[in-house]
Amino acid sequence: MFSCNSSTSGHSVFLLTGFPGLEASQHWVSIPINLICVVSIVGNSIILFVIRTDPVLHEPMYIFLSMLAASDLGLCVSTFPTMVQLFWLGTRELPFDLCAAQMFFIHAFTYVESGVLLAMAFDRFIAIRDPLHYATILPHSAVAKVGAAILVRAVLLNLPGPILLRNLLFPQISELSHCYCLHCDLVQLACSDIQINSLVGLVSILFSLGLDSSLIILSYALILRTVLGIASPGERLKALNTCVSHLCIVLIFYLPKLGLSVLHRVEKHNYPALAVLMANLHFLVPPLMNPLVYCIKSKQIRQGFLKRFQQKRVDVS
């Protein structure tokens, strides 16, 4: 812990943290993490390309999926540079402005992903509840408005964070808990009163992740009630099967966050390297798994990818 005797506002330098106790071999430990990030960027780029170029996939469900892929790409691009800087270039220093900017984009893309998951949950409810009027209830204009609302909410909820951080005093050099900047981490390093910052952070989480997770649970309760009202067992199973992919990515998104929260409260100090690994994975696993889940479960995505791949082979020939 660095001293607050020489604290400054807006001119501090933050030190990134790798894997405590594994400094000598962190190059090798970081290889799987960097590989996950690269594969995530490639996978989500492919999803965006396939949906963009295949008219068959220009439906609300796949448009929301493209929004999810875009937010995953943004999250990877936000975290990857400091990982490369720390693990491969050996540079720990990060200026205040860059740290605040990274913090804003990490939280903003996380909130966008949470909002898209909520939109996809209600999309599935509408598709099961009223399949005949699905296209009229969710036209492209409505989907675009939902996407814009999700983006605006993410920006508005995260904009106060970096602004309020500039009013805090920090030691000239502060050590972070991770290899990237998070609001809760930065606030704990401040030398001045953080009540307003903590309150703003809490409100931000409640009106994003907290609200979204509650409404996703509500949407699945409505889906279950609708499915139980279907007479045919085969039609029930078919309706539930359309939700499997979405339910998987919801669990992939929220469960690592829950596990990290428990780890920080119970065993963080006993296993610091495990805490850092979990902190990295809870940002990297959803962008990695989302394209895989939809490629495995969605026949249309697979067909779209194969069609584009075969077309490229024909063009090359």
C-alpha atoms as a PDB file:
ATOM      1  CA  MET A   1       0.000   0.000   0.000  1.00  0.00           C
ATOM      2  CA  PHE A   2       1.501   3.314  -1.075  1.00  0.00           C
ATOM      3  CA  SER A   3       1.390   6.401   1.141  1.00  0.00           C
ATOM      4  CA  CYS A   4      -1.225   9.125   0.834  1.00  0.00           C
ATOM      5  CA  ASN A   5       1.226  11.776   2.061  1.00  0.00           C
ATOM      6  CA  SER A   6       1.976  12.837  -1.513  1.00  0.00           C
ATOM      7  CA  SER A   7      -1.502  12.342  -3.011  1.00  0.00           C
ATOM      8  CA  THR A   8      -2.597  13.988  -6.258  1.00  0.00           C
ATOM      9  CA  SER A   9      -5.799  14.352  -8.270  1.00  0.00           C
ATOM     10  CA  GLY A  10      -5.870  13.142 -11.878  1.00  0.00           C
ATOM     11  CA  HIS A  11      -2.090  12.689 -12.184  1.00  0.00           C
ATOM     12  CA  SER A  12      -1.557   9.352 -10.428  1.00  0.00           C
ATOM     13  CA  VAL A  13       0.101   6.298 -11.914  1.00  0.00           C
ATOM     14  CA  PHE A  14      -1.448   2.868 -11.351  1.00  0.00           C
ATOM     15  CA  LEU A  15       0.524  -0.382 -11.318  1.00  0.00           C
ATOM     16  CA  LEU A  16      -1.085  -3.386 -12.988  1.00  0.00           C
ATOM     17  CA  THR A  17      -0.979  -6.703 -11.102  1.00  0.00           C
ATOM     18  CA  GLY A  18      -0.316 -10.084 -12.676  1.00  0.00           C
ATOM     19  CA  PHE A  19      -0.396 -13.366 -10.757  1.00  0.00           C
ATOM     20  CA  PRO A  20       0.947 -12.926  -7.197  1.00  0.00           C
ATOM     21  CA  GLY A  21       3.639 -15.499  -6.435  1.00  0.00           C
ATOM     22  CA  LEU A  22       3.975 -16.532 -10.082  1.00  0.00           C
ATOM     23  CA  GLU A  23       5.937 -13.551 -11.389  1.00  0.00           C
ATOM     24  CA  ALA A  24       8.755 -15.748 -12.736  1.00  0.00           C
ATOM     25  CA  SER A  25       6.403 -17.855 -14.870  1.00  0.00           C
ATOM     26  CA  GLN A  26       3.569 -15.434 -15.599  1.00  0.00           C
ATOM     27  CA  HIS A  27       4.518 -15.427 -19.309  1.00  0.00           C
ATOM     28  CA  TRP A  28       3.528 -19.088 -19.512  1.00  0.00           C
ATOM     29  CA  VAL A  29       0.487 -18.672 -17.264  1.00  0.00           C
ATOM     30  CA  SER A  30      -0.753 -15.810 -19.441  1.00  0.00           C
ATOM     31  CA  ILE A  31      -0.565 -17.789 -22.712  1.00  0.00           C
ATOM     32  CA  PRO A  32      -3.975 -19.512 -22.238  1.00  0.00           C
ATOM     33  CA  ILE A  33      -5.556 -16.186 -21.202  1.00  0.00           C
ATOM     34  CA  ASN A  34      -4.185 -14.364 -24.244  1.00  0.00           C
ATOM     35  CA  LEU A  35      -5.200 -17.274 -26.458  1.00  0.00           C
ATOM     36  CA  ILE A  36      -8.742 -17.133 -25.099  1.00  0.00           C
ATOM     37  CA  CYS A  37      -8.869 -13.421 -25.873  1.00  0.00           C
ATOM     38  CA  VAL A  38      -7.642 -13.905 -29.459  1.00  0.00           C
ATOM     39  CA  VAL A  39     -10.079 -16.777 -30.095  1.00  0.00           C
ATOM     40  CA  SER A  40     -12.904 -14.663 -28.628  1.00  0.00           C
ATOM     41  CA  ILE A  41     -12.113 -11.765 -30.975  1.00  0.00           C
ATOM     42  CA  VAL A  42     -11.998 -14.093 -34.003  1.00  0.00           C
ATOM     43  CA  GLY A  43     -15.165 -15.985 -32.992  1.00  0.00           C
ATOM     44  CA  ASN A  44     -17.272 -12.898 -32.371  1.00  0.00           C
ATOM     45  CA  SER A  45     -15.985 -11.277 -35.572  1.00  0.00           C
ATOM     46  CA  ILE A  46     -17.124 -14.351 -37.505  1.00  0.00           C
ATOM     47  CA  ILE A  47     -20.572 -14.190 -35.863  1.00  0.00           C
ATOM     48  CA  LEU A  48     -20.891 -10.509 -36.834  1.00  0.00           C
ATOM     49  CA  PHE A  49     -19.738 -11.207 -40.397  1.00  0.00           C
ATOM     50  CA  VAL A  50     -22.111 -14.151 -40.904  1.00  0.00           C
ATOM     51  CA  ILE A  51     -25.152 -12.282 -39.547  1.00  0.00           C
ATOM     52  CA  ARG A  52     -24.265  -9.132 -41.514  1.00  0.00           C
ATOM     53  CA  THR A  53     -23.867 -10.905 -44.850  1.00  0.00           C
ATOM     54  CA  ASP A  54     -26.683 -13.502 -44.657  1.00  0.00           C
ATOM     55  CA  PRO A  55     -30.180 -12.002 -45.257  1.00  0.00           C
ATOM     56  CA  VAL A  56     -31.757 -15.118 -43.727  1.00  0.00           C
ATOM     57  CA  LEU A  57     -30.301 -14.093 -40.362  1.00  0.00           C
ATOM     58  CA  HIS A  58     -31.734 -10.565 -40.413  1.00  0.00           C
ATOM     59  CA  GLU A  59     -34.277 -11.470 -37.733  1.00  0.00           C
ATOM     60  CA  PRO A  60     -34.626  -9.949 -34.232  1.00  0.00           C
ATOM     61  CA  MET A  61     -33.050 -12.963 -32.516  1.00  0.00           C
ATOM     62  CA  TYR A  62     -29.902 -12.814 -34.651  1.00  0.00           C
ATOM     63  CA  ILE A  63     -29.722  -9.020 -34.629  1.00  0.00           C
ATOM     64  CA  PHE A  64     -29.644  -9.178 -30.821  1.00  0.00           C
ATOM     65  CA  LEU A  65     -26.979 -11.888 -31.130  1.00  0.00           C
ATOM     66  CA  SER A  66     -24.897  -9.538 -33.302  1.00  0.00           C
ATOM     67  CA  MET A  67     -25.250  -6.864 -30.576  1.00  0.00           C
ATOM     68  CA  LEU A  68     -24.027  -9.420 -28.043  1.00  0.00           C
ATOM     69  CA  ALA A  69     -21.049 -10.276 -30.257  1.00  0.00           C
ATOM     70  CA  ALA A  70     -20.237  -6.562 -30.669  1.00  0.00           C
ATOM     71  CA  SER A  71     -20.284  -6.020 -26.885  1.00  0.00           C
ATOM     72  CA  ASP A  72     -18.066  -9.097 -26.412  1.00  0.00           C
ATOM     73  CA  LEU A  73     -15.628  -7.679 -28.955  1.00  0.00           C
ATOM     74  CA  GLY A  74     -15.621  -4.355 -27.129  1.00  0.00           C
ATOM     75  CA  LEU A  75     -14.937  -6.089 -23.814  1.00  0.00           C
ATOM     76  CA  CYS A  76     -12.015  -8.054 -25.277  1.00  0.00           C
ATOM     77  CA  VAL A  77     -10.527  -4.978 -26.929  1.00  0.00           C
ATOM     78  CA  SER A  78     -10.869  -3.056 -23.636  1.00  0.00           C
ATOM     79  CA  THR A  79      -9.004  -5.633 -21.528  1.00  0.00           C
ATOM     80  CA  PHE A  80      -6.530  -7.139 -24.002  1.00  0.00           C
ATOM     81  CA  PRO A  81      -4.087  -4.173 -24.333  1.00  0.00           C
ATOM     82  CA  THR A  82      -3.213  -4.021 -20.625  1.00  0.00           C
ATOM     83  CA  MET A  83      -2.812  -7.822 -20.522  1.00  0.00           C
ATOM     84  CA  VAL A  84      -0.287  -7.618 -23.363  1.00  0.00           C
ATOM     85  CA  GLN A  85       1.391  -4.623 -21.705  1.00  0.00           C
ATOM     86  CA  LEU A  86       1.807  -6.461 -18.405  1.00  0.00           C
ATOM     87  CA  PHE A  87       2.456 -10.071 -19.386  1.00  0.00           C
ATOM     88  CA  TRP A  88       4.504  -9.645 -22.557  1.00  0.00           C
ATOM     89  CA  LEU A  89       6.010  -6.156 -22.441  1.00  0.00           C
ATOM     90  CA  GLY A  90       6.629  -6.223 -18.688  1.00  0.00           C
ATOM     91  CA  THR A  91       5.258  -2.697 -18.186  1.00  0.00           C
ATOM     92  CA  ARG A  92       3.069  -2.197 -15.126  1.00  0.00           C
ATOM     93  CA  GLU A  93       2.543   1.581 -15.183  1.00  0.00           C
ATOM     94  CA  LEU A  94      -0.776   2.973 -16.415  1.00  0.00           C
ATOM     95  CA  PRO A  95      -1.567   6.728 -16.266  1.00  0.00           C
ATOM     96  CA  PHE A  96      -4.746   7.912 -14.564  1.00  0.00           C
ATOM     97  CA  ASP A  97      -6.518   8.996 -17.772  1.00  0.00           C
ATOM     98  CA  LEU A  98      -5.922   5.682 -19.547  1.00  0.00           C
ATOM     99  CA  CYS A  99      -6.997   3.764 -16.449  1.00  0.00           C
ATOM    100  CA  ALA A 100     -10.219   5.800 -16.130  1.00  0.00           C
ATOM    101  CA  ALA A 101     -10.952   5.328 -19.847  1.00  0.00           C
ATOM    102  CA  GLN A 102     -10.427   1.565 -19.633  1.00  0.00           C
ATOM    103  CA  MET A 103     -12.653   1.420 -16.547  1.00  0.00           C
ATOM    104  CA  PHE A 104     -15.435   3.249 -18.410  1.00  0.00           C
ATOM    105  CA  PHE A 105     -15.335   0.966 -21.462  1.00  0.00           C
ATOM    106  CA  ILE A 106     -15.103  -2.279 -19.451  1.00  0.00           C
ATOM    107  CA  HIS A 107     -18.138  -1.415 -17.355  1.00  0.00           C
ATOM    108  CA  ALA A 108     -20.047   0.065 -20.308  1.00  0.00           C
ATOM    109  CA  PHE A 109     -19.616  -3.038 -22.483  1.00  0.00           C
ATOM    110  CA  THR A 110     -20.517  -5.251 -19.505  1.00  0.00           C
ATOM    111  CA  TYR A 111     -23.760  -3.309 -19.034  1.00  0.00           C
ATOM    112  CA  VAL A 112     -24.465  -3.463 -22.776  1.00  0.00           C
ATOM    113  CA  GLU A 113     -24.053  -7.240 -22.703  1.00  0.00           C
ATOM    114  CA  SER A 114     -26.363  -7.508 -19.697  1.00  0.00           C
ATOM    115  CA  GLY A 115     -28.980  -5.347 -21.440  1.00  0.00           C
ATOM    116  CA  VAL A 116     -28.771  -7.410 -24.641  1.00  0.00           C
ATOM    117  CA  LEU A 117     -29.254 -10.625 -22.647  1.00  0.00           C
ATOM    118  CA  LEU A 118     -32.412  -9.100 -21.163  1.00  0.00           C
ATOM    119  CA  ALA A 119     -33.656  -8.073 -24.617  1.00  0.00           C
ATOM    120  CA  MET A 120     -32.986 -11.595 -25.909  1.00  0.00           C
ATOM    121  CA  ALA A 121     -34.955 -13.066 -22.983  1.00  0.00           C
ATOM    122  CA  PHE A 122     -38.055 -11.050 -23.851  1.00  0.00           C
ATOM    123  CA  ASP A 123     -37.476 -11.809 -27.531  1.00  0.00           C
ATOM    124  CA  ARG A 124     -37.772 -15.503 -26.696  1.00  0.00           C
ATOM    125  CA  PHE A 125     -40.908 -14.849 -24.646  1.00  0.00           C
ATOM    126  CA  ILE A 126     -42.582 -13.000 -27.529  1.00  0.00           C
ATOM    127  CA  ALA A 127     -41.544 -15.714 -30.008  1.00  0.00           C
ATOM    128  CA  ILE A 128     -43.100 -18.436 -27.815  1.00  0.00           C
ATOM    129  CA  ARG A 129     -46.146 -16.463 -26.673  1.00  0.00           C
ATOM    130  CA  ASP A 130     -47.205 -15.037 -30.058  1.00  0.00           C
ATOM    131  CA  PRO A 131     -45.198 -16.651 -32.886  1.00  0.00           C
ATOM    132  CA  LEU A 132     -47.634 -15.576 -35.624  1.00  0.00           C
ATOM    133  CA  HIS A 133     -47.188 -11.869 -34.819  1.00  0.00           C
ATOM    134  CA  TYR A 134     -43.523 -12.101 -33.819  1.00  0.00           C
ATOM    135  CA  ALA A 135     -42.260 -10.128 -36.826  1.00  0.00           C
ATOM    136  CA  THR A 136     -44.852  -7.362 -36.400  1.00  0.00           C
ATOM    137  CA  ILE A 137     -44.254  -6.987 -32.648  1.00  0.00           C
ATOM    138  CA  LEU A 138     -40.471  -6.803 -33.141  1.00  0.00           C
ATOM    139  CA  PRO A 139     -39.774  -5.074 -36.473  1.00  0.00           C
ATOM    140  CA  HIS A 140     -36.260  -3.894 -37.275  1.00  0.00           C
ATOM    141  CA  SER A 141     -37.105  -0.365 -36.125  1.00  0.00           C
ATOM    142  CA  ALA A 142     -38.122  -1.623 -32.661  1.00  0.00           C
ATOM    143  CA  VAL A 143     -34.954  -3.735 -32.398  1.00  0.00           C
ATOM    144  CA  ALA A 144     -32.848  -0.698 -33.335  1.00  0.00           C
ATOM    145  CA  LYS A 145     -34.575   1.406 -30.653  1.00  0.00           C
ATOM    146  CA  VAL A 146     -33.959  -1.299 -28.039  1.00  0.00           C
ATOM    147  CA  GLY A 147     -30.290  -1.453 -29.022  1.00  0.00           C
ATOM    148  CA  ALA A 148     -29.964   2.336 -28.853  1.00  0.00           C
ATOM    149  CA  ALA A 149     -31.653   2.402 -25.424  1.00  0.00           C
ATOM    150  CA  ILE A 150     -29.241  -0.272 -24.120  1.00  0.00           C
ATOM    151  CA  LEU A 151     -26.241   1.708 -25.361  1.00  0.00           C
ATOM    152  CA  VAL A 152     -27.495   5.027 -23.960  1.00  0.00           C
ATOM    153  CA  ARG A 153     -28.199   3.444 -20.568  1.00  0.00           C
ATOM    154  CA  ALA A 154     -24.692   1.961 -20.423  1.00  0.00           C
ATOM    155  CA  VAL A 155     -23.101   5.330 -21.229  1.00  0.00           C
ATOM    156  CA  LEU A 156     -25.259   7.310 -18.777  1.00  0.00           C
ATOM    157  CA  LEU A 157     -24.714   4.862 -15.917  1.00  0.00           C
ATOM    158  CA  ASN A 158     -20.939   4.830 -16.400  1.00  0.00           C
ATOM    159  CA  LEU A 159     -20.256   8.458 -17.287  1.00  0.00           C
ATOM    160  CA  PRO A 160     -20.328   9.766 -13.673  1.00  0.00           C
ATOM    161  CA  GLY A 161     -17.679   7.252 -12.556  1.00  0.00           C
ATOM    162  CA  PRO A 162     -14.601   8.679 -14.363  1.00  0.00           C
ATOM    163  CA  ILE A 163     -15.783  12.261 -13.741  1.00  0.00           C
ATOM    164  CA  LEU A 164     -16.106  11.727  -9.968  1.00  0.00           C
ATOM    165  CA  LEU A 165     -12.781   9.881  -9.855  1.00  0.00           C
ATOM    166  CA  ARG A 166     -10.999  13.056 -10.956  1.00  0.00           C
ATOM    167  CA  ASN A 167     -12.167  14.729  -7.742  1.00  0.00           C
ATOM    168  CA  LEU A 168     -10.516  12.070  -5.566  1.00  0.00           C
ATOM    169  CA  LEU A 169      -6.969  12.176  -4.261  1.00  0.00           C
ATOM    170  CA  PHE A 170      -4.740   9.161  -4.985  1.00  0.00           C
ATOM    171  CA  PRO A 171      -1.165   8.328  -4.024  1.00  0.00           C
ATOM    172  CA  GLN A 172       1.245   9.242  -6.793  1.00  0.00           C
ATOM    173  CA  ILE A 173       1.716   5.495  -7.325  1.00  0.00           C
ATOM    174  CA  SER A 174      -1.047   2.971  -6.557  1.00  0.00           C
ATOM    175  CA  GLU A 175      -1.129  -0.792  -7.069  1.00  0.00           C
ATOM    176  CA  LEU A 176      -4.233  -2.321  -8.655  1.00  0.00           C
ATOM    177  CA  SER A 177      -5.637  -5.748  -7.811  1.00  0.00           C
ATOM    178  CA  HIS A 178      -5.907  -6.826 -11.471  1.00  0.00           C
ATOM    179  CA  CYS A 179      -4.319  -6.316 -14.871  1.00  0.00           C
ATOM    180  CA  TYR A 180      -7.063  -3.833 -15.771  1.00  0.00           C
ATOM    181  CA  CYS A 181      -8.924  -0.962 -14.102  1.00  0.00           C
ATOM    182  CA  LEU A 182     -12.276  -1.394 -12.342  1.00  0.00           C
ATOM    183  CA  HIS A 183     -14.317   1.218 -10.486  1.00  0.00           C
ATOM    184  CA  CYS A 184     -14.445  -0.672  -7.184  1.00  0.00           C
ATOM    185  CA  ASP A 185     -10.685  -1.229  -7.291  1.00  0.00           C
ATOM    186  CA  LEU A 186      -9.839   2.417  -8.006  1.00  0.00           C
ATOM    187  CA  VAL A 187     -12.200   3.788  -5.368  1.00  0.00           C
ATOM    188  CA  GLN A 188     -10.600   1.646  -2.665  1.00  0.00           C
ATOM    189  CA  LEU A 189      -7.196   3.168  -3.476  1.00  0.00           C
ATOM    190  CA  ALA A 190      -8.359   6.774  -2.949  1.00  0.00           C
ATOM    191  CA  CYS A 191      -7.079   8.883  -0.061  1.00  0.00           C
ATOM    192  CA  SER A 192     -10.206  11.060   0.172  1.00  0.00           C
ATOM    193  CA  ASP A 193     -13.871  10.499   1.009  1.00  0.00           C
ATOM    194  CA  ILE A 194     -15.433   7.937  -1.362  1.00  0.00           C
ATOM    195  CA  GLN A 195     -19.049   7.862  -0.135  1.00  0.00           C
ATOM    196  CA  ILE A 196     -20.464   9.551  -3.254  1.00  0.00           C
ATOM    197  CA  ASN A 197     -18.367   7.367  -5.564  1.00  0.00           C
ATOM    198  CA  SER A 198     -19.438   4.196  -3.756  1.00  0.00           C
ATOM    199  CA  LEU A 199     -23.096   5.262  -3.902  1.00  0.00           C
ATOM    200  CA  VAL A 200     -22.868   6.038  -7.623  1.00  0.00           C
ATOM    201  CA  GLY A 201     -21.215   2.655  -8.230  1.00  0.00           C
ATOM    202  CA  LEU A 202     -23.915   0.837  -6.263  1.00  0.00           C
ATOM    203  CA  VAL A 203     -26.748   2.627  -8.091  1.00  0.00           C
ATOM    204  CA  SER A 204     -25.046   1.849 -11.410  1.00  0.00           C
ATOM    205  CA  ILE A 205     -24.889  -1.872 -10.633  1.00  0.00           C
ATOM    206  CA  LEU A 206     -28.462  -2.014  -9.300  1.00  0.00           C
ATOM    207  CA  PHE A 207     -29.905  -0.309 -12.394  1.00  0.00           C
ATOM    208  CA  SER A 208     -27.925  -2.519 -14.767  1.00  0.00           C
ATOM    209  CA  LEU A 209     -26.899  -6.004 -13.644  1.00  0.00           C
ATOM    210  CA  GLY A 210     -29.347  -6.101 -10.727  1.00  0.00           C
ATOM    211  CA  LEU A 211     -32.371  -4.926 -12.726  1.00  0.00           C
ATOM    212  CA  ASP A 212     -31.491  -7.006 -15.787  1.00  0.00           C
ATOM    213  CA  SER A 213     -31.020 -10.257 -13.860  1.00  0.00           C
ATOM    214  CA  SER A 214     -34.355  -9.756 -12.067  1.00  0.00           C
ATOM    215  CA  LEU A 215     -36.198  -9.101 -15.337  1.00  0.00           C
ATOM    216  CA  ILE A 216     -34.509 -12.091 -17.009  1.00  0.00           C
ATOM    217  CA  ILE A 217     -35.826 -14.296 -14.190  1.00  0.00           C
ATOM    218  CA  LEU A 218     -39.280 -12.735 -14.702  1.00  0.00           C
ATOM    219  CA  SER A 219     -39.129 -13.372 -18.446  1.00  0.00           C
ATOM    220  CA  TYR A 220     -38.300 -17.044 -17.902  1.00  0.00           C
ATOM    221  CA  ALA A 221     -41.142 -17.340 -15.414  1.00  0.00           C
ATOM    222  CA  LEU A 222     -43.464 -15.991 -18.122  1.00  0.00           C
ATOM    223  CA  ILE A 223     -41.925 -18.350 -20.685  1.00  0.00           C
ATOM    224  CA  LEU A 224     -42.445 -21.333 -18.374  1.00  0.00           C
ATOM    225  CA  ARG A 225     -46.055 -20.362 -17.729  1.00  0.00           C
ATOM    226  CA  THR A 226     -46.666 -20.003 -21.474  1.00  0.00           C
ATOM    227  CA  VAL A 227     -45.003 -23.333 -22.269  1.00  0.00           C
ATOM    228  CA  LEU A 228     -47.026 -25.159 -19.605  1.00  0.00           C
ATOM    229  CA  GLY A 229     -50.155 -23.842 -21.323  1.00  0.00           C
ATOM    230  CA  ILE A 230     -49.230 -25.646 -24.561  1.00  0.00           C
ATOM    231  CA  ALA A 231     -51.227 -28.870 -24.946  1.00  0.00           C
ATOM    232  CA  SER A 232     -48.752 -30.934 -26.993  1.00  0.00           C
ATOM    233  CA  PRO A 233     -45.674 -32.283 -25.103  1.00  0.00           C
ATOM    234  CA  GLY A 234     -43.710 -32.193 -28.353  1.00  0.00           C
ATOM    235  CA  GLU A 235     -44.536 -28.518 -28.894  1.00  0.00           C
ATOM    236  CA  ARG A 236     -43.571 -27.774 -25.281  1.00  0.00           C
ATOM    237  CA  LEU A 237     -40.158 -29.353 -25.785  1.00  0.00           C
ATOM    238  CA  LYS A 238     -39.701 -27.526 -29.080  1.00  0.00           C
ATOM    239  CA  ALA A 239     -40.543 -24.189 -27.456  1.00  0.00           C
ATOM    240  CA  LEU A 240     -38.169 -24.762 -24.541  1.00  0.00           C
ATOM    241  CA  ASN A 241     -35.407 -25.842 -26.918  1.00  0.00           C
ATOM    242  CA  THR A 242     -35.415 -22.363 -28.494  1.00  0.00           C
ATOM    243  CA  CYS A 243     -34.349 -20.954 -25.103  1.00  0.00           C
ATOM    244  CA  VAL A 244     -31.457 -23.329 -24.381  1.00  0.00           C
ATOM    245  CA  SER A 245     -28.760 -21.240 -26.090  1.00  0.00           C
ATOM    246  CA  HIS A 246     -29.864 -18.050 -24.391  1.00  0.00           C
ATOM    247  CA  LEU A 247     -30.145 -19.698 -20.976  1.00  0.00           C
ATOM    248  CA  CYS A 248     -26.607 -21.068 -21.363  1.00  0.00           C
ATOM    249  CA  ILE A 249     -25.072 -17.679 -22.120  1.00  0.00           C
ATOM    250  CA  VAL A 250     -27.034 -16.065 -19.255  1.00  0.00           C
ATOM    251  CA  LEU A 251     -25.516 -18.607 -16.855  1.00  0.00           C
ATOM    252  CA  ILE A 252     -22.066 -18.135 -18.437  1.00  0.00           C
ATOM    253  CA  PHE A 253     -22.387 -14.370 -17.951  1.00  0.00           C
ATOM    254  CA  TYR A 254     -23.688 -14.260 -14.372  1.00  0.00           C
ATOM    255  CA  LEU A 255     -22.227 -17.356 -12.639  1.00  0.00           C
ATOM    256  CA  PRO A 256     -18.522 -16.333 -12.964  1.00  0.00           C
ATOM    257  CA  LYS A 257     -19.418 -12.923 -11.505  1.00  0.00           C
ATOM    258  CA  LEU A 258     -21.148 -14.645  -8.587  1.00  0.00           C
ATOM    259  CA  GLY A 259     -18.201 -17.010  -8.074  1.00  0.00           C
ATOM    260  CA  LEU A 260     -15.707 -14.120  -8.132  1.00  0.00           C
ATOM    261  CA  SER A 261     -17.805 -12.186  -5.626  1.00  0.00           C
ATOM    262  CA  VAL A 262     -17.834 -15.166  -3.231  1.00  0.00           C
ATOM    263  CA  LEU A 263     -14.084 -15.733  -3.707  1.00  0.00           C
ATOM    264  CA  HIS A 264     -13.278 -12.101  -2.919  1.00  0.00           C
ATOM    265  CA  ARG A 265     -15.231 -12.324   0.335  1.00  0.00           C
ATOM    266  CA  VAL A 266     -13.997 -15.723   1.476  1.00  0.00           C
ATOM    267  CA  GLU A 267     -10.572 -16.761   0.152  1.00  0.00           C
ATOM    268  CA  LYS A 268      -9.089 -13.785  -1.715  1.00  0.00           C
ATOM    269  CA  HIS A 269      -6.171 -13.290   0.696  1.00  0.00           C
ATOM    270  CA  ASN A 270      -5.401 -17.013   1.016  1.00  0.00           C
ATOM    271  CA  TYR A 271      -5.278 -17.609  -2.750  1.00  0.00           C
ATOM    272  CA  PRO A 272      -4.439 -14.280  -4.428  1.00  0.00           C
ATOM    273  CA  ALA A 273      -3.322 -15.912  -7.707  1.00  0.00           C
ATOM    274  CA  LEU A 274      -6.646 -17.791  -7.937  1.00  0.00           C
ATOM    275  CA  ALA A 275      -8.540 -14.542  -7.330  1.00  0.00           C
ATOM    276  CA  VAL A 276      -6.637 -12.820 -10.160  1.00  0.00           C
ATOM    277  CA  LEU A 277      -7.204 -15.797 -12.490  1.00  0.00           C
ATOM    278  CA  MET A 278     -10.941 -15.791 -11.739  1.00  0.00           C
ATOM    279  CA  ALA A 279     -11.059 -12.022 -12.271  1.00  0.00           C
ATOM    280  CA  ASN A 280      -9.523 -12.444 -15.724  1.00  0.00           C
ATOM    281  CA  LEU A 281     -11.679 -15.410 -16.698  1.00  0.00           C
ATOM    282  CA  HIS A 282     -14.959 -13.812 -15.610  1.00  0.00           C
ATOM    283  CA  PHE A 283     -14.419 -11.197 -18.335  1.00  0.00           C
ATOM    284  CA  LEU A 284     -12.971 -13.560 -20.957  1.00  0.00           C
ATOM    285  CA  VAL A 285     -15.123 -16.695 -20.666  1.00  0.00           C
ATOM    286  CA  PRO A 286     -18.452 -15.149 -21.864  1.00  0.00           C
ATOM    287  CA  PRO A 287     -16.924 -13.684 -25.080  1.00  0.00           C
ATOM    288  CA  LEU A 288     -15.285 -17.072 -25.739  1.00  0.00           C
ATOM    289  CA  MET A 289     -18.325 -19.237 -25.029  1.00  0.00           C
ATOM    290  CA  ASN A 290     -21.109 -17.155 -26.594  1.00  0.00           C
ATOM    291  CA  PRO A 291     -20.081 -17.814 -30.240  1.00  0.00           C
ATOM    292  CA  LEU A 292     -19.436 -21.499 -29.455  1.00  0.00           C
ATOM    293  CA  VAL A 293     -22.844 -21.973 -27.821  1.00  0.00           C
ATOM    294  CA  TYR A 294     -24.724 -20.372 -30.710  1.00  0.00           C
ATOM    295  CA  CYS A 295     -22.668 -22.159 -33.360  1.00  0.00           C
ATOM    296  CA  ILE A 296     -23.400 -25.494 -31.688  1.00  0.00           C
ATOM    297  CA  LYS A 297     -27.090 -24.872 -30.984  1.00  0.00           C
ATOM    298  CA  SER A 298     -28.117 -22.714 -33.969  1.00  0.00           C
ATOM    299  CA  LYS A 299     -28.455 -24.534 -37.275  1.00  0.00           C
ATOM    300  CA  GLN A 300     -28.953 -21.226 -39.111  1.00  0.00           C
ATOM    301  CA  ILE A 301     -25.638 -19.809 -37.833  1.00  0.00           C
ATOM    302  CA  ARG A 302     -23.786 -22.985 -38.867  1.00  0.00           C
ATOM    303  CA  GLN A 303     -25.400 -22.976 -42.291  1.00  0.00           C
ATOM    304  CA  GLY A 304     -24.622 -19.289 -42.760  1.00  0.00           C
ATOM    305  CA  PHE A 305     -20.971 -19.847 -41.840  1.00  0.00           C
ATOM    306  CA  LEU A 306     -20.616 -22.900 -44.119  1.00  0.00           C
ATOM    307  CA  LYS A 307     -22.290 -21.037 -46.983  1.00  0.00           C
ATOM    308  CA  ARG A 308     -19.852 -18.119 -46.656  1.00  0.00           C
ATOM    309  CA  PHE A 309     -16.874 -20.500 -46.287  1.00  0.00           C
ATOM    310  CA  GLN A 310     -17.841 -22.516 -49.365  1.00  0.00           C
ATOM    311  CA  GLN A 311     -18.431 -19.312 -51.328  1.00  0.00           C
ATOM    312  CA  LYS A 312     -14.907 -18.119 -50.443  1.00  0.00           C
ATOM    313  CA  ARG A 313     -13.465 -21.479 -51.569  1.00  0.00           C
ATOM    314  CA  VAL A 314     -15.303 -21.203 -54.898  1.00  0.00           C
ATOM    315  CA  ASP A 315     -14.075 -17.621 -55.365  1.00  0.00           C
ATOM    316  CA  VAL A 316     -10.476 -18.673 -54.641  1.00  0.00           C
ATOM    317  CA  SER A 317     -10.752 -21.631 -57.046  1.00  0.00           C
END
